[in-house]
């Protein structure tokens, strides 16, 4: 039983050594969505909301989708 506890502690320590931060992953995902929007003929526009800048994809068929939501709904992946 103590062996499993030690393995869990080692695993947690190694997880903290990750070289890619969550912010980097989020930025990469956002860039993938921006590229997808533009490939689909859309235009990315920024808006200030509650002190934050958000990006929206204005697609040719008239839909306006937040870039982060576009990433999730279209099943895009960071390569």
Protein backbone atom coordinates (compact mmCIF):
# COMPACT_ATOMS: atom_id res chain seq x y z
CA UNK A 1 0.00 0.00 0.00
CA UNK A 2 2.84 2.37 0.81
CA UNK A 3 4.28 1.61 -2.62
CA UNK A 4 1.19 3.06 -4.31
CA UNK A 5 1.39 6.19 -2.19
CA UNK A 6 5.00 6.66 -3.22
CA UNK A 7 4.08 6.18 -6.89
CA UNK A 8 1.34 8.79 -6.58
CA UNK A 9 3.76 11.28 -5.03
CA UNK A 10 6.34 10.67 -7.76
CA UNK A 11 3.65 11.08 -10.42
CA UNK A 12 2.49 14.36 -8.91
CA UNK A 13 6.06 15.65 -8.74
CA UNK A 14 6.69 14.77 -12.38
CA UNK A 15 3.43 16.40 -13.45
CA UNK A 16 4.72 19.64 -11.96
CA UNK A 17 7.79 19.43 -14.22
CA UNK A 18 5.81 19.88 -17.42
CA UNK A 19 7.57 22.23 -19.84
CA UNK A 20 4.40 23.53 -21.50
CA UNK A 21 2.21 25.73 -19.36
CA UNK A 22 -1.56 25.86 -19.58
CA UNK A 23 -1.34 29.40 -20.92
CA UNK A 24 0.87 28.27 -23.81
CA UNK A 25 -1.62 25.53 -24.67
CA UNK A 26 -4.51 27.99 -24.57
CA UNK A 27 -2.64 30.42 -26.82
CA UNK A 28 -1.87 27.64 -29.30
CA UNK A 29 -5.50 26.53 -29.30
CA UNK A 30 -6.64 30.09 -29.91
CA UNK A 31 -4.24 30.46 -32.84
CA UNK A 32 -5.51 27.19 -34.36
CA UNK A 33 -9.08 28.53 -34.14
CA UNK A 34 -8.07 31.88 -35.67
CA UNK A 35 -6.39 30.08 -38.58
CA UNK A 36 -9.47 27.87 -39.04
CA UNK A 37 -11.75 30.91 -39.06
CA UNK A 38 -9.68 32.58 -41.76
CA UNK A 39 -9.45 29.37 -43.83
CA UNK A 40 -13.26 29.20 -43.78
CA UNK A 41 -13.42 32.73 -45.19
CA UNK A 42 -14.23 34.35 -41.86
CA UNK A 43 -12.80 37.44 -40.26
CA UNK A 44 -11.49 37.65 -36.70
CA UNK A 45 -12.41 40.81 -34.80
CA UNK A 46 -11.53 41.80 -31.24
CA UNK A 47 -13.93 43.29 -28.69
CA UNK A 48 -13.37 44.76 -25.25
CA UNK A 49 -15.68 43.12 -22.70
CA UNK A 50 -15.47 43.61 -18.95
CA UNK A 51 -11.88 44.80 -19.21
CA UNK A 52 -10.78 41.83 -21.33
CA UNK A 53 -10.15 41.56 -25.04
CA UNK A 54 -12.07 38.72 -26.68
CA UNK A 55 -11.76 37.55 -30.26
CA UNK A 56 -14.76 36.63 -32.39
CA UNK A 57 -14.90 34.88 -35.74
CA UNK A 58 -17.40 36.43 -38.16
CA UNK A 59 -18.14 33.56 -40.56
CA UNK A 60 -19.35 34.08 -44.13
CA UNK A 61 -22.77 32.51 -43.44
CA UNK A 62 -23.39 35.19 -40.81
CA UNK A 63 -22.55 33.30 -37.63
CA UNK A 64 -20.42 35.09 -35.03
CA UNK A 65 -18.59 32.72 -32.68
CA UNK A 66 -16.07 33.42 -29.95
CA UNK A 67 -12.73 31.99 -31.07
CA UNK A 68 -12.34 29.75 -27.99
CA UNK A 69 -15.84 28.35 -28.49
CA UNK A 70 -15.10 27.79 -32.18
CA UNK A 71 -12.10 25.69 -31.16
CA UNK A 72 -14.29 23.51 -28.94
CA UNK A 73 -17.33 23.15 -31.21
CA UNK A 74 -15.41 22.41 -34.41
CA UNK A 75 -13.28 19.71 -32.77
CA UNK A 76 -10.01 21.45 -33.62
CA UNK A 77 -6.72 20.17 -32.20
CA UNK A 78 -3.30 21.69 -31.52
CA UNK A 79 -0.66 19.83 -33.53
